């Protein structure tokens, strides 16, 4: 999809890869600030793994368009070795 638009993928990640499981277990984790933060850190790391891309509910990505010269630069002509 990204490549079809002329861009390149810089990074990609899944989301909700492990958080769709047991709501009760997630509630217990969320109640403890340190455990919740550790869980979120692990979720982020796991979602960035290539195998997780097929298991998340959403995909997030960063894309970069190729650098293009401006139209003004493309329209410049060289006359006698000087850009005009």
PDB file of N, CA and C in Angstrom:
ATOM      1  N   UNK A   1       0.825  -1.175   0.000  1.00  0.00           N
ATOM      2  CA  UNK A   1       0.000   0.000   0.000  1.00  0.00           C
ATOM      3  C   UNK A   1       0.882   1.256   0.000  1.00  0.00           C
ATOM      4  N   UNK A   2       1.852   1.304   0.890  1.00  0.00           N
ATOM      5  CA  UNK A   2       2.726   2.473   0.977  1.00  0.00           C
ATOM      6  C   UNK A   2       3.551   2.604  -0.290  1.00  0.00           C
ATOM      7  N   UNK A   3       4.113   1.511  -0.740  1.00  0.00           N
ATOM      8  CA  UNK A   3       4.942   1.553  -1.949  1.00  0.00           C
ATOM      9  C   UNK A   3       4.119   1.938  -3.176  1.00  0.00           C
ATOM     10  N   UNK A   4       2.846   1.524  -3.214  1.00  0.00           N
ATOM     11  CA  UNK A   4       1.977   1.890  -4.328  1.00  0.00           C
ATOM     12  C   UNK A   4       1.741   3.389  -4.389  1.00  0.00           C
ATOM     13  N   UNK A   5       1.920   4.086  -3.278  1.00  0.00           N
ATOM     14  CA  UNK A   5       1.776   5.546  -3.233  1.00  0.00           C
ATOM     15  C   UNK A   5       3.094   6.257  -3.503  1.00  0.00           C
ATOM     16  N   UNK A   6       4.140   5.499  -3.790  1.00  0.00           N
ATOM     17  CA  UNK A   6       5.427   6.088  -4.100  1.00  0.00           C
ATOM     18  C   UNK A   6       6.285   6.377  -2.888  1.00  0.00           C
ATOM     19  N   UNK A   7       5.902   5.869  -1.734  1.00  0.00           N
ATOM     20  CA  UNK A   7       6.662   6.107  -0.504  1.00  0.00           C
ATOM     21  C   UNK A   7       7.383   4.840  -0.088  1.00  0.00           C
ATOM     22  N   UNK A   8       8.226   4.959   0.908  1.00  0.00           N
ATOM     23  CA  UNK A   8       8.926   3.812   1.477  1.00  0.00           C
ATOM     24  C   UNK A   8       8.625   3.705   2.956  1.00  0.00           C
ATOM     25  N   UNK A   9       8.504   2.495   3.449  1.00  0.00           N
ATOM     26  CA  UNK A   9       8.238   2.271   4.867  1.00  0.00           C
ATOM     27  C   UNK A   9       9.529   2.468   5.660  1.00  0.00           C
ATOM     28  N   UNK A  10       9.464   3.304   6.680  1.00  0.00           N
ATOM     29  CA  UNK A  10      10.600   3.545   7.561  1.00  0.00           C
ATOM     30  C   UNK A  10      10.535   2.586   8.741  1.00  0.00           C
ATOM     31  N   UNK A  11       9.359   2.418   9.319  1.00  0.00           N
ATOM     32  CA  UNK A  11       9.150   1.512  10.455  1.00  0.00           C
ATOM     33  C   UNK A  11       7.685   1.101  10.479  1.00  0.00           C
ATOM     34  N   UNK A  12       7.434  -0.090  11.027  1.00  0.00           N
ATOM     35  CA  UNK A  12       6.066  -0.580  11.121  1.00  0.00           C
ATOM     36  C   UNK A  12       5.899  -1.337  12.425  1.00  0.00           C
ATOM     37  N   UNK A  13       4.696  -1.271  12.975  1.00  0.00           N
ATOM     38  CA  UNK A  13       4.415  -1.944  14.233  1.00  0.00           C
ATOM     39  C   UNK A  13       2.954  -2.365  14.262  1.00  0.00           C
ATOM     40  N   UNK A  14       2.683  -3.467  14.928  1.00  0.00           N
ATOM     41  CA  UNK A  14       1.317  -3.888  15.196  1.00  0.00           C
ATOM     42  C   UNK A  14       0.851  -3.181  16.463  1.00  0.00           C
ATOM     43  N   UNK A  15      -0.416  -3.309  16.773  1.00  0.00           N
ATOM     44  CA  UNK A  15      -0.927  -2.812  18.054  1.00  0.00           C
ATOM     45  C   UNK A  15      -1.891  -3.842  18.611  1.00  0.00           C
ATOM     46  N   UNK A  16      -2.067  -3.812  19.927  1.00  0.00           N
ATOM     47  CA  UNK A  16      -2.966  -4.752  20.612  1.00  0.00           C
ATOM     48  C   UNK A  16      -2.587  -6.209  20.393  1.00  0.00           C
ATOM     49  N   UNK A  17      -1.300  -6.463  20.268  1.00  0.00           N
ATOM     50  CA  UNK A  17      -0.885  -7.837  19.987  1.00  0.00           C
ATOM     51  C   UNK A  17      -1.133  -8.757  21.177  1.00  0.00           C
ATOM     52  N   UNK A  18      -0.843  -8.305  22.381  1.00  0.00           N
ATOM     53  CA  UNK A  18      -1.077  -9.139  23.564  1.00  0.00           C
ATOM     54  C   UNK A  18      -2.240  -8.640  24.408  1.00  0.00           C
ATOM     55  N   UNK A  19      -2.733  -7.453  24.131  1.00  0.00           N
ATOM     56  CA  UNK A  19      -3.723  -6.860  25.022  1.00  0.00           C
ATOM     57  C   UNK A  19      -5.158  -7.284  24.756  1.00  0.00           C
ATOM     58  N   UNK A  20      -5.381  -8.162  23.816  1.00  0.00           N
ATOM     59  CA  UNK A  20      -6.742  -8.617  23.538  1.00  0.00           C
ATOM     60  C   UNK A  20      -7.113  -9.874  24.311  1.00  0.00           C
ATOM     61  N   UNK A  21      -6.194 -10.360  25.095  1.00  0.00           N
ATOM     62  CA  UNK A  21      -6.394 -11.650  25.759  1.00  0.00           C
ATOM     63  C   UNK A  21      -7.375 -11.543  26.930  1.00  0.00           C
ATOM     64  N   UNK A  22      -6.873 -11.490  28.115  1.00  0.00           N
ATOM     65  CA  UNK A  22      -7.653 -11.597  29.342  1.00  0.00           C
ATOM     66  C   UNK A  22      -7.853 -10.221  29.971  1.00  0.00           C
ATOM     67  N   UNK A  23      -9.062  -9.684  29.880  1.00  0.00           N
ATOM     68  CA  UNK A  23      -9.338  -8.348  30.408  1.00  0.00           C
ATOM     69  C   UNK A  23      -9.111  -8.272  31.918  1.00  0.00           C
ATOM     70  N   UNK A  24      -9.420  -9.332  32.635  1.00  0.00           N
ATOM     71  CA  UNK A  24      -9.214  -9.337  34.084  1.00  0.00           C
ATOM     72  C   UNK A  24      -7.721  -9.235  34.415  1.00  0.00           C
ATOM     73  N   UNK A  25      -6.906  -9.982  33.694  1.00  0.00           N
ATOM     74  CA  UNK A  25      -5.457  -9.928  33.923  1.00  0.00           C
ATOM     75  C   UNK A  25      -4.920  -8.533  33.598  1.00  0.00           C
ATOM     76  N   UNK A  26      -5.425  -7.938  32.538  1.00  0.00           N
ATOM     77  CA  UNK A  26      -4.992  -6.587  32.186  1.00  0.00           C
ATOM     78  C   UNK A  26      -5.398  -5.574  33.254  1.00  0.00           C
ATOM     79  N   UNK A  27      -6.577  -5.741  33.824  1.00  0.00           N
ATOM     80  CA  UNK A  27      -7.032  -4.837  34.894  1.00  0.00           C
ATOM     81  C   UNK A  27      -6.118  -4.927  36.106  1.00  0.00           C
ATOM     82  N   UNK A  28      -5.683  -6.132  36.427  1.00  0.00           N
ATOM     83  CA  UNK A  28      -4.760  -6.310  37.562  1.00  0.00           C
ATOM     84  C   UNK A  28      -3.416  -5.655  37.270  1.00  0.00           C
ATOM     85  N   UNK A  29      -2.928  -5.800  36.051  1.00  0.00           N
ATOM     86  CA  UNK A  29      -1.674  -5.150  35.678  1.00  0.00           C
ATOM     87  C   UNK A  29      -1.807  -3.630  35.747  1.00  0.00           C
ATOM     88  N   UNK A  30      -2.918  -3.133  35.252  1.00  0.00           N
ATOM     89  CA  UNK A  30      -3.126  -1.695  35.198  1.00  0.00           C
ATOM     90  C   UNK A  30      -3.219  -1.075  36.599  1.00  0.00           C
ATOM     91  N   UNK A  31      -3.657  -1.852  37.553  1.00  0.00           N
ATOM     92  CA  UNK A  31      -3.791  -1.359  38.927  1.00  0.00           C
ATOM     93  C   UNK A  31      -2.433  -1.089  39.584  1.00  0.00           C
ATOM     94  N   UNK A  32      -1.390  -1.730  39.097  1.00  0.00           N
ATOM     95  CA  UNK A  32      -0.046  -1.538  39.648  1.00  0.00           C
ATOM     96  C   UNK A  32       0.767  -0.738  38.636  1.00  0.00           C
ATOM     97  N   UNK A  33       1.117   0.470  38.978  1.00  0.00           N
ATOM     98  CA  UNK A  33       1.766   1.391  38.038  1.00  0.00           C
ATOM     99  C   UNK A  33       3.048   0.823  37.432  1.00  0.00           C
ATOM    100  N   UNK A  34       3.900   0.227  38.256  1.00  0.00           N
ATOM    101  CA  UNK A  34       5.168  -0.319  37.747  1.00  0.00           C
ATOM    102  C   UNK A  34       4.940  -1.521  36.832  1.00  0.00           C
ATOM    103  N   UNK A  35       4.054  -2.409  37.249  1.00  0.00           N
ATOM    104  CA  UNK A  35       3.765  -3.583  36.412  1.00  0.00           C
ATOM    105  C   UNK A  35       3.119  -3.159  35.097  1.00  0.00           C
ATOM    106  N   UNK A  36       2.233  -2.152  35.147  1.00  0.00           N
ATOM    107  CA  UNK A  36       1.561  -1.679  33.941  1.00  0.00           C
ATOM    108  C   UNK A  36       2.582  -1.079  32.961  1.00  0.00           C
ATOM    109  N   UNK A  37       3.505  -0.281  33.484  1.00  0.00           N
ATOM    110  CA  UNK A  37       4.519   0.313  32.624  1.00  0.00           C
ATOM    111  C   UNK A  37       5.407  -0.761  32.002  1.00  0.00           C
ATOM    112  N   UNK A  38       5.790  -1.757  32.804  1.00  0.00           N
ATOM    113  CA  UNK A  38       6.602  -2.856  32.276  1.00  0.00           C
ATOM    114  C   UNK A  38       5.828  -3.610  31.195  1.00  0.00           C
ATOM    115  N   UNK A  39       4.537  -3.848  31.427  1.00  0.00           N
ATOM    116  CA  UNK A  39       3.702  -4.521  30.429  1.00  0.00           C
ATOM    117  C   UNK A  39       3.648  -3.698  29.135  1.00  0.00           C
ATOM    118  N   UNK A  40       3.420  -2.389  29.255  1.00  0.00           N
ATOM    119  CA  UNK A  40       3.346  -1.548  28.058  1.00  0.00           C
ATOM    120  C   UNK A  40       4.662  -1.550  27.290  1.00  0.00           C
ATOM    121  N   UNK A  41       5.765  -1.486  28.018  1.00  0.00           N
ATOM    122  CA  UNK A  41       7.083  -1.542  27.362  1.00  0.00           C
ATOM    123  C   UNK A  41       7.255  -2.850  26.597  1.00  0.00           C
ATOM    124  N   UNK A  42       6.821  -3.945  27.201  1.00  0.00           N
ATOM    125  CA  UNK A  42       6.938  -5.249  26.543  1.00  0.00           C
ATOM    126  C   UNK A  42       5.981  -5.354  25.356  1.00  0.00           C
ATOM    127  N   UNK A  43       4.798  -4.781  25.489  1.00  0.00           N
ATOM    128  CA  UNK A  43       3.834  -4.781  24.384  1.00  0.00           C
ATOM    129  C   UNK A  43       4.403  -4.011  23.188  1.00  0.00           C
ATOM    130  N   UNK A  44       4.978  -2.851  23.448  1.00  0.00           N
ATOM    131  CA  UNK A  44       5.563  -2.048  22.370  1.00  0.00           C
ATOM    132  C   UNK A  44       6.691  -2.822  21.684  1.00  0.00           C
ATOM    133  N   UNK A  45       7.557  -3.434  22.479  1.00  0.00           N
ATOM    134  CA  UNK A  45       8.675  -4.204  21.909  1.00  0.00           C
ATOM    135  C   UNK A  45       8.166  -5.397  21.102  1.00  0.00           C
ATOM    136  N   UNK A  46       7.186  -6.113  21.628  1.00  0.00           N
ATOM    137  CA  UNK A  46       6.650  -7.288  20.932  1.00  0.00           C
ATOM    138  C   UNK A  46       5.956  -6.881  19.628  1.00  0.00           C
ATOM    139  N   UNK A  47       5.224  -5.786  19.655  1.00  0.00           N
ATOM    140  CA  UNK A  47       4.502  -5.340  18.458  1.00  0.00           C
ATOM    141  C   UNK A  47       5.434  -4.924  17.330  1.00  0.00           C
ATOM    142  N   UNK A  48       6.657  -4.569  17.667  1.00  0.00           N
ATOM    143  CA  UNK A  48       7.619  -4.165  16.642  1.00  0.00           C
ATOM    144  C   UNK A  48       8.297  -5.357  15.974  1.00  0.00           C
ATOM    145  N   UNK A  49       8.114  -6.547  16.516  1.00  0.00           N
ATOM    146  CA  UNK A  49       8.718  -7.745  15.932  1.00  0.00           C
ATOM    147  C   UNK A  49       7.985  -8.124  14.648  1.00  0.00           C
ATOM    148  N   UNK A  50       8.719  -8.571  13.620  1.00  0.00           N
ATOM    149  CA  UNK A  50       8.089  -8.895  12.337  1.00  0.00           C
ATOM    150  C   UNK A  50       6.926  -9.887  12.445  1.00  0.00           C
ATOM    151  N   UNK A  51       7.023 -10.882  13.278  1.00  0.00           N
ATOM    152  CA  UNK A  51       5.947 -11.873  13.397  1.00  0.00           C
ATOM    153  C   UNK A  51       4.671 -11.330  13.989  1.00  0.00           C
ATOM    154  N   UNK A  52       4.745 -10.229  14.712  1.00  0.00           N
ATOM    155  CA  UNK A  52       3.556  -9.644  15.339  1.00  0.00           C
ATOM    156  C   UNK A  52       2.695  -8.881  14.335  1.00  0.00           C
ATOM    157  N   UNK A  53       3.246  -8.532  13.198  1.00  0.00           N
ATOM    158  CA  UNK A  53       2.494  -7.741  12.233  1.00  0.00           C
ATOM    159  C   UNK A  53       1.239  -8.456  11.750  1.00  0.00           C
ATOM    160  N   UNK A  54       1.235  -9.771  11.784  1.00  0.00           N
ATOM    161  CA  UNK A  54       0.062 -10.529  11.363  1.00  0.00           C
ATOM    162  C   UNK A  54      -0.946 -10.718  12.496  1.00  0.00           C
ATOM    163  N   UNK A  55      -0.569 -10.392  13.740  1.00  0.00           N
ATOM    164  CA  UNK A  55      -1.447 -10.694  14.861  1.00  0.00           C
ATOM    165  C   UNK A  55      -2.071  -9.510  15.551  1.00  0.00           C
ATOM    166  N   UNK A  56      -1.697  -8.297  15.212  1.00  0.00           N
ATOM    167  CA  UNK A  56      -2.268  -7.127  15.867  1.00  0.00           C
ATOM    168  C   UNK A  56      -3.591  -6.737  15.244  1.00  0.00           C
ATOM    169  N   UNK A  57      -4.338  -5.900  15.949  1.00  0.00           N
ATOM    170  CA  UNK A  57      -5.615  -5.444  15.408  1.00  0.00           C
ATOM    171  C   UNK A  57      -5.444  -4.273  14.451  1.00  0.00           C
ATOM    172  N   UNK A  58      -4.348  -3.556  14.592  1.00  0.00           N
ATOM    173  CA  UNK A  58      -4.060  -2.423  13.729  1.00  0.00           C
ATOM    174  C   UNK A  58      -2.578  -2.436  13.377  1.00  0.00           C
ATOM    175  N   UNK A  59      -2.252  -1.824  12.274  1.00  0.00           N
ATOM    176  CA  UNK A  59      -0.856  -1.613  11.896  1.00  0.00           C
ATOM    177  C   UNK A  59      -0.584  -0.125  11.888  1.00  0.00           C
ATOM    178  N   UNK A  60       0.538   0.243  12.456  1.00  0.00           N
ATOM    179  CA  UNK A  60       0.984   1.633  12.423  1.00  0.00           C
ATOM    180  C   UNK A  60       2.295   1.652  11.666  1.00  0.00           C
ATOM    181  N   UNK A  61       2.510   2.694  10.899  1.00  0.00           N
ATOM    182  CA  UNK A  61       3.760   2.763  10.171  1.00  0.00           C
ATOM    183  C   UNK A  61       4.174   4.210   9.969  1.00  0.00           C
ATOM    184  N   UNK A  62       5.444   4.375   9.763  1.00  0.00           N
ATOM    185  CA  UNK A  62       6.010   5.662   9.366  1.00  0.00           C
ATOM    186  C   UNK A  62       6.520   5.482   7.949  1.00  0.00           C
ATOM    187  N   UNK A  63       6.189   6.406   7.098  1.00  0.00           N
ATOM    188  CA  UNK A  63       6.598   6.326   5.696  1.00  0.00           C
ATOM    189  C   UNK A  63       7.318   7.611   5.303  1.00  0.00           C
ATOM    190  N   UNK A  64       8.124   7.472   4.285  1.00  0.00           N
ATOM    191  CA  UNK A  64       8.858   8.634   3.785  1.00  0.00           C
ATOM    192  C   UNK A  64       8.672   8.700   2.278  1.00  0.00           C
ATOM    193  N   UNK A  65       8.279   9.872   1.822  1.00  0.00           N
ATOM    194  CA  UNK A  65       8.199  10.111   0.386  1.00  0.00           C
ATOM    195  C   UNK A  65       9.595  10.399  -0.128  1.00  0.00           C
ATOM    196  N   UNK A  66       9.895  10.008  -1.351  1.00  0.00           N
ATOM    197  CA  UNK A  66      11.211  10.329  -1.895  1.00  0.00           C
ATOM    198  C   UNK A  66      11.344  11.840  -2.064  1.00  0.00           C
ATOM    199  N   UNK A  67      12.565  12.318  -1.911  1.00  0.00           N
ATOM    200  CA  UNK A  67      12.796  13.744  -2.106  1.00  0.00           C
ATOM    201  C   UNK A  67      12.574  14.088  -3.567  1.00  0.00           C
ATOM    202  N   UNK A  68      11.862  15.131  -3.780  1.00  0.00           N
ATOM    203  CA  UNK A  68      11.614  15.583  -5.140  1.00  0.00           C
ATOM    204  C   UNK A  68      12.088  17.014  -5.276  1.00  0.00           C
ATOM    205  N   UNK A  69      12.654  17.282  -6.394  1.00  0.00           N
ATOM    206  CA  UNK A  69      13.058  18.664  -6.652  1.00  0.00           C
ATOM    207  C   UNK A  69      11.810  19.487  -6.908  1.00  0.00           C
ATOM    208  N   UNK A  70      11.846  20.710  -6.502  1.00  0.00           N
ATOM    209  CA  UNK A  70      10.683  21.575  -6.713  1.00  0.00           C
ATOM    210  C   UNK A  70      10.491  21.821  -8.208  1.00  0.00           C
ATOM    211  N   UNK A  71       9.285  22.172  -8.569  1.00  0.00           N
ATOM    212  CA  UNK A  71       8.977  22.454  -9.970  1.00  0.00           C
ATOM    213  C   UNK A  71       9.826  23.597 -10.479  1.00  0.00           C
ATOM    214  N   UNK A  72      10.056  24.585  -9.629  1.00  0.00           N
ATOM    215  CA  UNK A  72      10.871  25.736 -10.054  1.00  0.00           C
ATOM    216  C   UNK A  72      12.272  25.284 -10.428  1.00  0.00           C
ATOM    217  N   UNK A  73      12.858  24.395  -9.649  1.00  0.00           N
ATOM    218  CA  UNK A  73      14.196  23.903  -9.965  1.00  0.00           C
ATOM    219  C   UNK A  73      14.184  23.062 -11.238  1.00  0.00           C
ATOM    220  N   UNK A  74      13.133  22.292 -11.425  1.00  0.00           N
ATOM    221  CA  UNK A  74      13.054  21.450 -12.614  1.00  0.00           C
ATOM    222  C   UNK A  74      12.917  22.291 -13.871  1.00  0.00           C
ATOM    223  N   UNK A  75      12.300  23.454 -13.743  1.00  0.00           N
ATOM    224  CA  UNK A  75      12.057  24.300 -14.907  1.00  0.00           C
ATOM    225  C   UNK A  75      13.247  25.175 -15.273  1.00  0.00           C
ATOM    226  N   UNK A  76      14.266  25.225 -14.425  1.00  0.00           N
ATOM    227  CA  UNK A  76      15.445  26.051 -14.748  1.00  0.00           C
ATOM    228  C   UNK A  76      16.154  25.493 -15.976  1.00  0.00           C
ATOM    229  N   UNK A  77      16.658  26.399 -16.734  1.00  0.00           N
ATOM    230  CA  UNK A  77      17.416  26.010 -17.922  1.00  0.00           C
ATOM    231  C   UNK A  77      18.836  26.555 -17.783  1.00  0.00           C
ATOM    232  N   UNK A  78      19.752  25.868 -18.377  1.00  0.00           N
ATOM    233  CA  UNK A  78      21.132  26.335 -18.375  1.00  0.00           C
ATOM    234  C   UNK A  78      21.392  27.055 -19.674  1.00  0.00           C
ATOM    235  N   UNK A  79      21.806  28.330 -19.542  1.00  0.00           N
ATOM    236  CA  UNK A  79      22.141  29.125 -20.731  1.00  0.00           C
ATOM    237  C   UNK A  79      23.580  29.600 -20.578  1.00  0.00           C
ATOM    238  N   UNK A  80      24.412  29.189 -21.494  1.00  0.00           N
ATOM    239  CA  UNK A  80      25.832  29.566 -21.453  1.00  0.00           C
ATOM    240  C   UNK A  80      26.467  29.187 -20.131  1.00  0.00           C
ATOM    241  N   UNK A  81      26.107  28.035 -19.588  1.00  0.00           N
ATOM    242  CA  UNK A  81      26.701  27.557 -18.345  1.00  0.00           C
ATOM    243  C   UNK A  81      26.156  28.198 -17.088  1.00  0.00           C
ATOM    244  N   UNK A  82      25.140  29.040 -17.209  1.00  0.00           N
ATOM    245  CA  UNK A  82      24.570  29.736 -16.051  1.00  0.00           C
ATOM    246  C   UNK A  82      23.130  29.326 -15.880  1.00  0.00           C
ATOM    247  N   UNK A  83      22.747  29.022 -14.655  1.00  0.00           N
ATOM    248  CA  UNK A  83      21.342  28.698 -14.378  1.00  0.00           C
ATOM    249  C   UNK A  83      20.504  29.962 -14.469  1.00  0.00           C
ATOM    250  N   UNK A  84      19.403  29.869 -15.182  1.00  0.00           N
ATOM    251  CA  UNK A  84      18.520  31.044 -15.258  1.00  0.00           C
ATOM    252  C   UNK A  84      17.136  30.676 -14.759  1.00  0.00           C
TER     253      UNK A  84
END
